[in-house]
C-alpha atoms as a PDB file:
ATOM      1  CA  MET A   1      35.166   6.689  -4.622  1.00  0.00           C
ATOM      2  CA  ILE A   2      34.662  10.135  -3.103  1.00  0.00           C
ATOM      3  CA  GLY A   3      31.462  10.750  -1.161  1.00  0.00           C
ATOM      4  CA  ALA A   4      29.913  13.232  -3.593  1.00  0.00           C
ATOM      5  CA  VAL A   5      30.248  10.830  -6.527  1.00  0.00           C
ATOM      6  CA  ARG A   6      28.895   7.927  -4.468  1.00  0.00           C
ATOM      7  CA  ARG A   7      25.862   9.952  -3.399  1.00  0.00           C
ATOM      8  CA  GLN A   8      25.174  10.938  -7.000  1.00  0.00           C
ATOM      9  CA  LYS A   9      25.258   7.289  -8.053  1.00  0.00           C
ATOM     10  CA  ILE A  10      23.041   6.314  -5.108  1.00  0.00           C
ATOM     11  CA  ALA A  11      20.507   8.909  -6.218  1.00  0.00           C
ATOM     12  CA  GLU A  12      20.576   7.502  -9.750  1.00  0.00           C
ATOM     13  CA  ILE A  13      20.012   3.940  -8.493  1.00  0.00           C
ATOM     14  CA  VAL A  14      17.096   4.910  -6.270  1.00  0.00           C
ATOM     15  CA  ARG A  15      15.491   7.037  -9.007  1.00  0.00           C
ATOM     16  CA  GLU A  16      15.707   4.157 -11.468  1.00  0.00           C
ATOM     17  CA  LYS A  17      14.632   1.326  -9.134  1.00  0.00           C
ATOM     18  CA  LYS A  18      12.281   3.529  -7.048  1.00  0.00           C
ATOM     19  CA  SER A  19      13.729   2.025  -3.857  1.00  0.00           C
ATOM     20  CA  ALA A  20      16.883   0.434  -2.480  1.00  0.00           C
ATOM     21  CA  SER A  21      17.966  -1.028   0.851  1.00  0.00           C
ATOM     22  CA  VAL A  22      20.944   0.090   2.920  1.00  0.00           C
ATOM     23  CA  THR A  23      22.450  -3.394   2.710  1.00  0.00           C
ATOM     24  CA  GLU A  24      22.096  -3.499  -1.074  1.00  0.00           C
ATOM     25  CA  LEU A  25      23.751  -0.092  -1.521  1.00  0.00           C
ATOM     26  CA  ALA A  26      26.552  -0.928   0.916  1.00  0.00           C
ATOM     27  CA  GLN A  27      27.377  -4.016  -1.137  1.00  0.00           C
ATOM     28  CA  ILE A  28      27.325  -2.097  -4.412  1.00  0.00           C
ATOM     29  CA  PHE A  29      29.743   0.556  -3.172  1.00  0.00           C
ATOM     30  CA  SER A  30      31.792  -1.635  -0.788  1.00  0.00           C
ATOM     31  CA  VAL A  31      31.226   0.646   2.199  1.00  0.00           C
ATOM     32  CA  THR A  32      29.630   0.193   5.614  1.00  0.00           C
ATOM     33  CA  ASP A  33      25.892   0.442   6.286  1.00  0.00           C
ATOM     34  CA  GLU A  34      26.588   3.504   8.424  1.00  0.00           C
ATOM     35  CA  THR A  35      28.265   5.280   5.501  1.00  0.00           C
ATOM     36  CA  ILE A  36      25.201   4.600   3.328  1.00  0.00           C
ATOM     37  CA  ARG A  37      22.872   5.856   6.054  1.00  0.00           C
ATOM     38  CA  ARG A  38      24.823   9.130   6.194  1.00  0.00           C
ATOM     39  CA  ASP A  39      24.634   9.396   2.415  1.00  0.00           C
ATOM     40  CA  LEU A  40      20.884   8.823   2.454  1.00  0.00           C
ATOM     41  CA  LYS A  41      20.405  11.388   5.204  1.00  0.00           C
ATOM     42  CA  ASP A  42      22.309  13.930   3.104  1.00  0.00           C
ATOM     43  CA  LEU A  43      20.278  13.108  -0.021  1.00  0.00           C
ATOM     44  CA  GLU A  44      17.009  13.360   1.903  1.00  0.00           C
ATOM     45  CA  SER A  45      17.978  16.794   3.229  1.00  0.00           C
ATOM     46  CA  LYS A  46      18.329  17.921  -0.396  1.00  0.00           C
ATOM     47  CA  GLY A  47      14.930  16.508  -1.332  1.00  0.00           C
ATOM     48  CA  THR A  48      16.397  13.829  -3.610  1.00  0.00           C
ATOM     49  CA  LEU A  49      14.728  10.866  -1.879  1.00  0.00           C
ATOM     50  CA  ARG A  50      12.925   9.796   1.275  1.00  0.00           C
ATOM     51  CA  ARG A  51      14.476   7.564   3.897  1.00  0.00           C
ATOM     52  CA  SER A  52      12.764   4.618   5.527  1.00  0.00           C
ATOM     53  CA  TYR A  53      14.036   2.129   8.066  1.00  0.00           C
ATOM     54  CA  GLY A  54      16.542   0.035   6.164  1.00  0.00           C
ATOM     55  CA  GLY A  55      16.559   1.980   2.915  1.00  0.00           C
ATOM     56  CA  ALA A  56      15.257   4.812   0.754  1.00  0.00           C
ATOM     57  CA  TYR A  57      12.690   5.393  -1.977  1.00  0.00           C
ATOM     58  CA  VAL A  58      11.266   7.973  -4.369  1.00  0.00           C
ATOM     59  CA  GLN A  59       7.649   8.555  -5.360  1.00  0.00           C
ATOM     60  CA  THR A  60       8.212  10.225  -8.720  1.00  0.00           C
ATOM     61  CA  GLY A  61       7.090   8.862 -12.084  1.00  0.00           C
ATOM     62  CA  VAL A  62       3.989   6.916 -13.041  1.00  0.00           C
ATOM     63  CA  ASP A  63       5.792   3.561 -12.709  1.00  0.00           C
ATOM     64  CA  ASN A  64       6.597   3.884  -9.023  1.00  0.00           C
ATOM     65  CA  LEU A  65       6.202   0.568  -7.230  1.00  0.00           C
ATOM     66  CA  VAL A  66       8.382   0.557  -4.099  1.00  0.00           C
ATOM     67  CA  ASP A  67       9.776  -2.637  -2.558  1.00  0.00           C
ATOM     68  CA  VAL A  68       7.542  -3.963   0.247  1.00  0.00           C
ATOM     69  CA  ASN A  69      10.453  -4.121   2.721  1.00  0.00           C
ATOM     70  CA  ILE A  70      10.898  -0.372   2.330  1.00  0.00           C
ATOM     71  CA  ARG A  71       7.161   0.409   2.289  1.00  0.00           C
ATOM     72  CA  THR A  72       6.423  -1.502   5.495  1.00  0.00           C
ATOM     73  CA  THR A  73       8.252   1.068   7.604  1.00  0.00           C
ATOM     74  CA  ALA A  74       7.447   4.138   5.473  1.00  0.00           C
ATOM     75  CA  TYR A  75       4.669   6.311   6.944  1.00  0.00           C
ATOM     76  CA  ARG A  76       4.254   3.809   9.773  1.00  0.00           C
ATOM     77  CA  HIS A  77       2.372   6.285  11.981  1.00  0.00           C
ATOM     78  CA  SER A  78       0.041   7.177   9.097  1.00  0.00           C
ATOM     79  CA  LYS A  79      -0.789   3.527   8.469  1.00  0.00           C
ATOM     80  CA  LYS A  80      -1.598   2.977  12.136  1.00  0.00           C
ATOM     81  CA  ILE A  81      -4.036   5.900  12.022  1.00  0.00           C
ATOM     82  CA  ILE A  82      -5.683   4.531   8.877  1.00  0.00           C
ATOM     83  CA  ALA A  83      -5.949   1.046  10.376  1.00  0.00           C
ATOM     84  CA  ALA A  84      -7.686   2.398  13.480  1.00  0.00           C
ATOM     85  CA  ARG A  85     -10.162   4.295  11.294  1.00  0.00           C
ATOM     86  CA  CYS A  86     -10.985   1.116   9.362  1.00  0.00           C
ATOM     87  CA  LEU A  87     -12.241  -0.647  12.495  1.00  0.00           C
ATOM     88  CA  ARG A  88     -15.634   1.080  12.347  1.00  0.00           C
ATOM     89  CA  PHE A  89     -16.356  -0.642   9.034  1.00  0.00           C
ATOM     90  CA  VAL A  90     -15.828  -4.228  10.246  1.00  0.00           C
ATOM     91  CA  SER A  91     -18.183  -6.215  12.479  1.00  0.00           C
ATOM     92  CA  ASN A  92     -17.934  -9.697  13.937  1.00  0.00           C
ATOM     93  CA  GLY A  93     -19.257 -12.194  11.409  1.00  0.00           C
ATOM     94  CA  ASP A  94     -18.092 -10.188   8.376  1.00  0.00           C
ATOM     95  CA  THR A  95     -16.106 -11.578   5.462  1.00  0.00           C
ATOM     96  CA  ILE A  96     -13.419  -9.157   4.303  1.00  0.00           C
ATOM     97  CA  PHE A  97     -10.579  -8.973   1.793  1.00  0.00           C
ATOM     98  CA  LEU A  98      -7.188  -7.421   2.560  1.00  0.00           C
ATOM     99  CA  ASP A  99      -4.842  -6.845  -0.376  1.00  0.00           C
ATOM    100  CA  ASN A 100      -1.057  -7.091  -0.679  1.00  0.00           C
ATOM    101  CA  SER A 101      -0.408  -3.551   0.565  1.00  0.00           C
ATOM    102  CA  THR A 102       1.548  -2.716   3.705  1.00  0.00           C
ATOM    103  CA  THR A 103      -1.370  -0.567   4.874  1.00  0.00           C
ATOM    104  CA  CYS A 104      -3.580  -3.683   4.875  1.00  0.00           C
ATOM    105  CA  PHE A 105      -0.913  -5.413   6.947  1.00  0.00           C
ATOM    106  CA  TYR A 106      -1.464  -2.737   9.614  1.00  0.00           C
ATOM    107  CA  ILE A 107      -5.246  -3.177   9.279  1.00  0.00           C
ATOM    108  CA  ALA A 108      -4.841  -6.918   9.880  1.00  0.00           C
ATOM    109  CA  LYS A 109      -3.005  -6.137  13.117  1.00  0.00           C
ATOM    110  CA  VAL A 110      -5.998  -4.304  14.600  1.00  0.00           C
ATOM    111  CA  LEU A 111      -8.453  -7.018  13.499  1.00  0.00           C
ATOM    112  CA  GLN A 112      -6.717  -9.933  15.233  1.00  0.00           C
ATOM    113  CA  ASP A 113      -9.258 -10.214  18.065  1.00  0.00           C
ATOM    114  CA  MET A 114     -12.357 -10.122  15.850  1.00  0.00           C
ATOM    115  CA  ARG A 115     -14.460 -13.120  14.764  1.00  0.00           C
ATOM    116  CA  ILE A 116     -14.324 -12.637  11.003  1.00  0.00           C
ATOM    117  CA  THR A 117     -13.376 -14.361   7.771  1.00  0.00           C
ATOM    118  CA  VAL A 118     -10.350 -12.886   5.988  1.00  0.00           C
ATOM    119  CA  LEU A 119      -9.348 -13.486   2.380  1.00  0.00           C
ATOM    120  CA  THR A 120      -5.931 -12.204   1.358  1.00  0.00           C
ATOM    121  CA  ASN A 121      -3.131 -12.654  -1.151  1.00  0.00           C
ATOM    122  CA  ASN A 122      -0.654 -11.113   1.307  1.00  0.00           C
ATOM    123  CA  LEU A 123       1.805 -13.630   2.792  1.00  0.00           C
ATOM    124  CA  MET A 124       2.673 -11.363   5.735  1.00  0.00           C
ATOM    125  CA  ILE A 125      -1.010 -11.139   6.676  1.00  0.00           C
ATOM    126  CA  LEU A 126      -1.465 -14.897   6.277  1.00  0.00           C
ATOM    127  CA  ASN A 127       1.483 -15.571   8.591  1.00  0.00           C
ATOM    128  CA  MET A 128       0.241 -13.099  11.190  1.00  0.00           C
ATOM    129  CA  LEU A 129      -3.416 -14.196  11.260  1.00  0.00           C
ATOM    130  CA  ALA A 130      -2.640 -17.935  11.071  1.00  0.00           C
ATOM    131  CA  LYS A 131      -2.297 -17.992  14.870  1.00  0.00           C
ATOM    132  CA  CYS A 132      -5.737 -16.406  15.428  1.00  0.00           C
ATOM    133  CA  SER A 133      -8.230 -19.239  16.047  1.00  0.00           C
ATOM    134  CA  ASN A 134     -11.100 -16.738  15.985  1.00  0.00           C
ATOM    135  CA  ILE A 135     -10.382 -15.826  12.338  1.00  0.00           C
ATOM    136  CA  LYS A 136     -11.337 -18.015   9.399  1.00  0.00           C
ATOM    137  CA  LEU A 137      -8.448 -17.478   7.014  1.00  0.00           C
ATOM    138  CA  ILE A 138      -8.534 -18.048   3.259  1.00  0.00           C
ATOM    139  CA  GLY A 139      -5.253 -17.665   1.411  1.00  0.00           C
ATOM    140  CA  ILE A 140      -5.216 -16.614  -2.227  1.00  0.00           C
ATOM    141  CA  GLY A 141      -2.304 -18.376  -3.937  1.00  0.00           C
ATOM    142  CA  GLY A 142      -0.728 -18.115  -7.362  1.00  0.00           C
ATOM    143  CA  ASN A 143       2.554 -16.691  -8.630  1.00  0.00           C
ATOM    144  CA  TYR A 144       4.634 -15.458  -5.700  1.00  0.00           C
ATOM    145  CA  SER A 145       6.374 -12.092  -5.711  1.00  0.00           C
ATOM    146  CA  PRO A 146       9.334 -11.985  -3.253  1.00  0.00           C
ATOM    147  CA  THR A 147       9.508  -8.190  -3.497  1.00  0.00           C
ATOM    148  CA  GLU A 148       5.815  -7.849  -2.579  1.00  0.00           C
ATOM    149  CA  LYS A 149       5.506 -10.951  -0.377  1.00  0.00           C
ATOM    150  CA  ALA A 150       2.187 -11.614  -2.101  1.00  0.00           C
ATOM    151  CA  PHE A 151       0.496 -13.719  -4.777  1.00  0.00           C
ATOM    152  CA  TYR A 152      -0.735 -12.645  -8.202  1.00  0.00           C
ATOM    153  CA  GLY A 153      -1.369 -13.980 -11.705  1.00  0.00           C
ATOM    154  CA  PRO A 154      -3.962 -16.258 -13.364  1.00  0.00           C
ATOM    155  CA  ILE A 155      -4.414 -18.633 -10.414  1.00  0.00           C
ATOM    156  CA  ALA A 156      -4.859 -15.757  -7.971  1.00  0.00           C
ATOM    157  CA  LYS A 157      -7.426 -14.092 -10.234  1.00  0.00           C
ATOM    158  CA  LEU A 158      -9.372 -17.329 -10.766  1.00  0.00           C
ATOM    159  CA  THR A 159      -9.416 -18.019  -7.023  1.00  0.00           C
ATOM    160  CA  ILE A 160     -10.536 -14.521  -6.063  1.00  0.00           C
ATOM    161  CA  ALA A 161     -13.292 -14.639  -8.683  1.00  0.00           C
ATOM    162  CA  ARG A 162     -14.886 -17.565  -6.806  1.00  0.00           C
ATOM    163  CA  TYR A 163     -15.554 -15.484  -3.685  1.00  0.00           C
ATOM    164  CA  TYR A 164     -17.704 -12.533  -2.667  1.00  0.00           C
ATOM    165  CA  VAL A 165     -17.015 -10.437   0.415  1.00  0.00           C
ATOM    166  CA  ASP A 166     -18.861  -7.958   2.593  1.00  0.00           C
ATOM    167  CA  THR A 167     -16.033  -5.460   2.657  1.00  0.00           C
ATOM    168  CA  SER A 168     -12.689  -5.103   0.944  1.00  0.00           C
ATOM    169  CA  PHE A 169      -9.820  -2.838   1.917  1.00  0.00           C
ATOM    170  CA  LEU A 170      -7.653  -2.009  -1.070  1.00  0.00           C
ATOM    171  CA  SER A 171      -4.636   0.189  -1.492  1.00  0.00           C
ATOM    172  CA  CYS A 172      -3.375   1.939  -4.608  1.00  0.00           C
ATOM    173  CA  ARG A 173      -0.342   3.922  -5.646  1.00  0.00           C
ATOM    174  CA  SER A 174      -2.012   7.258  -6.376  1.00  0.00           C
ATOM    175  CA  LEU A 175      -5.257   9.218  -6.253  1.00  0.00           C
ATOM    176  CA  SER A 176      -6.058  12.223  -8.406  1.00  0.00           C
ATOM    177  CA  LEU A 177      -9.183  14.320  -8.911  1.00  0.00           C
ATOM    178  CA  ASN A 178      -8.527  14.149 -12.654  1.00  0.00           C
ATOM    179  CA  SER A 179      -7.305  10.558 -13.061  1.00  0.00           C
ATOM    180  CA  GLY A 180      -9.192   8.775 -10.303  1.00  0.00           C
ATOM    181  CA  ILE A 181      -7.526   5.843  -8.557  1.00  0.00           C
ATOM    182  CA  THR A 182      -4.390   4.518 -10.265  1.00  0.00           C
ATOM    183  CA  ASP A 183      -1.809   1.805  -9.617  1.00  0.00           C
ATOM    184  CA  SER A 184       1.801   1.064 -10.529  1.00  0.00           C
ATOM    185  CA  THR A 185       1.442  -2.229 -12.396  1.00  0.00           C
ATOM    186  CA  ASP A 186      -1.194  -4.412 -14.061  1.00  0.00           C
ATOM    187  CA  ARG A 187      -0.025  -7.279 -11.851  1.00  0.00           C
ATOM    188  CA  TRP A 188      -1.661  -5.919  -8.714  1.00  0.00           C
ATOM    189  CA  ASN A 189      -4.224  -3.759 -10.459  1.00  0.00           C
ATOM    190  CA  ASP A 190      -5.850  -6.856 -12.032  1.00  0.00           C
ATOM    191  CA  VAL A 191      -6.245  -8.513  -8.629  1.00  0.00           C
ATOM    192  CA  ARG A 192      -7.737  -5.399  -7.053  1.00  0.00           C
ATOM    193  CA  ARG A 193     -10.137  -4.930  -9.952  1.00  0.00           C
ATOM    194  CA  ILE A 194     -11.676  -8.381  -9.436  1.00  0.00           C
ATOM    195  CA  VAL A 195     -11.973  -7.815  -5.681  1.00  0.00           C
ATOM    196  CA  LEU A 196     -13.668  -4.471  -6.312  1.00  0.00           C
ATOM    197  CA  GLU A 197     -16.294  -6.163  -8.473  1.00  0.00           C
ATOM    198  CA  HIS A 198     -16.902  -8.887  -5.849  1.00  0.00           C
ATOM    199  CA  SER A 199     -17.299  -6.622  -2.799  1.00  0.00           C
ATOM    200  CA  GLN A 200     -20.461  -5.135  -1.349  1.00  0.00           C
ATOM    201  CA  HIS A 201     -18.357  -2.318   0.084  1.00  0.00           C
ATOM    202  CA  THR A 202     -14.859  -1.243  -0.971  1.00  0.00           C
ATOM    203  CA  TYR A 203     -12.690   1.182   0.964  1.00  0.00           C
ATOM    204  CA  PHE A 204      -9.435   2.447  -0.505  1.00  0.00           C
ATOM    205  CA  VAL A 205      -6.777   3.071   2.136  1.00  0.00           C
ATOM    206  CA  ALA A 206      -4.059   5.585   1.306  1.00  0.00           C
ATOM    207  CA  ASP A 207      -1.785   7.839   3.317  1.00  0.00           C
ATOM    208  CA  HIS A 208      -1.589  11.561   2.504  1.00  0.00           C
ATOM    209  CA  SER A 209       1.499  11.195   0.261  1.00  0.00           C
ATOM    210  CA  LYS A 210      -0.523   9.342  -2.406  1.00  0.00           C
ATOM    211  CA  PHE A 211      -2.985  12.131  -3.147  1.00  0.00           C
ATOM    212  CA  ASP A 212      -2.790  14.493  -6.146  1.00  0.00           C
ATOM    213  CA  ASN A 213      -0.579  12.051  -8.058  1.00  0.00           C
ATOM    214  CA  THR A 214      -1.158   9.697 -10.989  1.00  0.00           C
ATOM    215  CA  SER A 215       0.440   6.291 -11.564  1.00  0.00           C
ATOM    216  CA  PHE A 216       0.753   3.960 -14.527  1.00  0.00           C
ATOM    217  CA  VAL A 217      -2.592   2.157 -14.829  1.00  0.00           C
ATOM    218  CA  HIS A 218      -6.186   3.208 -14.072  1.00  0.00           C
ATOM    219  CA  LEU A 219      -7.893   1.091 -11.411  1.00  0.00           C
ATOM    220  CA  CYS A 220     -11.284   2.753 -11.004  1.00  0.00           C
ATOM    221  CA  ASP A 221     -13.195   5.985 -10.619  1.00  0.00           C
ATOM    222  CA  PHE A 222     -14.308   7.305  -7.244  1.00  0.00           C
ATOM    223  CA  THR A 223     -17.921   6.446  -8.089  1.00  0.00           C
ATOM    224  CA  GLU A 224     -16.966   2.760  -7.849  1.00  0.00           C
ATOM    225  CA  ALA A 225     -15.584   3.051  -4.300  1.00  0.00           C
ATOM    226  CA  THR A 226     -17.607   3.077  -1.097  1.00  0.00           C
ATOM    227  CA  GLY A 227     -15.063   5.294   0.581  1.00  0.00           C
ATOM    228  CA  ILE A 228     -11.520   6.607   0.923  1.00  0.00           C
ATOM    229  CA  ILE A 229      -9.742   6.329   4.275  1.00  0.00           C
ATOM    230  CA  THR A 230      -6.625   8.425   4.876  1.00  0.00           C
ATOM    231  CA  ASP A 231      -4.565   9.822   7.740  1.00  0.00           C
ATOM    232  CA  GLU A 232      -4.644  13.610   7.258  1.00  0.00           C
ATOM    233  CA  PRO A 233      -7.434  16.085   6.409  1.00  0.00           C
ATOM    234  CA  LEU A 234      -7.808  16.700   2.677  1.00  0.00           C
ATOM    235  CA  SER A 235      -8.683  19.934   0.911  1.00  0.00           C
ATOM    236  CA  LYS A 236     -12.181  21.282   0.345  1.00  0.00           C
ATOM    237  CA  GLY A 237     -11.841  20.324  -3.320  1.00  0.00           C
ATOM    238  CA  TRP A 238     -11.376  16.666  -2.406  1.00  0.00           C
ATOM    239  CA  HIS A 239     -14.380  16.727  -0.078  1.00  0.00           C
ATOM    240  CA  GLU A 240     -16.615  18.325  -2.692  1.00  0.00           C
ATOM    241  CA  SER A 241     -15.475  16.001  -5.494  1.00  0.00           C
ATOM    242  CA  LEU A 242     -15.905  12.809  -3.468  1.00  0.00           C
ATOM    243  CA  ASP A 243     -19.275  13.995  -2.188  1.00  0.00           C
ATOM    244  CA  ARG A 244     -20.449  14.399  -5.807  1.00  0.00           C
ATOM    245  CA  ALA A 245     -19.195  10.869  -6.523  1.00  0.00           C
ATOM    246  CA  ASP A 246     -21.116   9.550  -3.494  1.00  0.00           C
ATOM    247  CA  CYS A 247     -17.807   8.308  -2.101  1.00  0.00           C
ATOM    248  CA  LEU A 248     -17.361   8.592   1.669  1.00  0.00           C
ATOM    249  CA  LEU A 249     -14.172  10.356   2.814  1.00  0.00           C
ATOM    250  CA  ILE A 250     -12.699   9.492   6.204  1.00  0.00           C
ATOM    251  CA  ASP A 251      -9.833  11.891   6.936  1.00  0.00           C
ATOM    252  CA  THR A 252     -10.436  12.590  10.644  1.00  0.00           C
ATOM    253  CA  ASP A 253     -11.432  10.558  13.691  1.00  0.00           C
ATOM    254  CA  GLU A 254     -14.852  12.227  13.819  1.00  0.00           C
ATOM    255  CA  VAL A 255     -17.736   9.823  13.195  1.00  0.00           C
END
């Protein structure tokens, strides 16, 4: 297969699945990982997709859930900034919830030395914090998603509904001034909705790429959130709108 045809088919696969790994694509086209990486670099230069370590993804369409293995390394620097900004909202003795998002995985990293209680349905977070004797860890089980490395479904929802937390950190797929906060699937949206209703304070964590977009299912309006924490300064329109909704916006390191 000539390179141009292969790249066209790669673009079609990534557009349909929203993400794909280098290894997966190499197997499909019977070429080396290096050949796929060159193809992805070419497609990214044309604006067809975005590369991440180990794969590629697109953010188009309302149904745009990207595989967790791809998301973990996408916008890594942005997630580290967001995680650092979340620290001011957690104190020793707090009980917090961290969802299945990769951004919450980065938040968990900066909380490892704190004396807190953490509830989470994220297997990566559970594995990381299990070694921290200073953290009381409560795992939310249920149906397991290998692509998300997290738990969902009826058992997860029933378990979460038993608890109340001081602060929850939730992610989402998109944020829009017109549509509010939206997500890719009911599967994760349902879990986040229960957590939102059982939290004294809820902060949505989202890197700059998620703003001014709308995804498949409505999660909540900005009036229901305590705050939005992101990595880059947002426009005046966002500041004014969130101020009217009494929703705190953290988009700089200024306190």
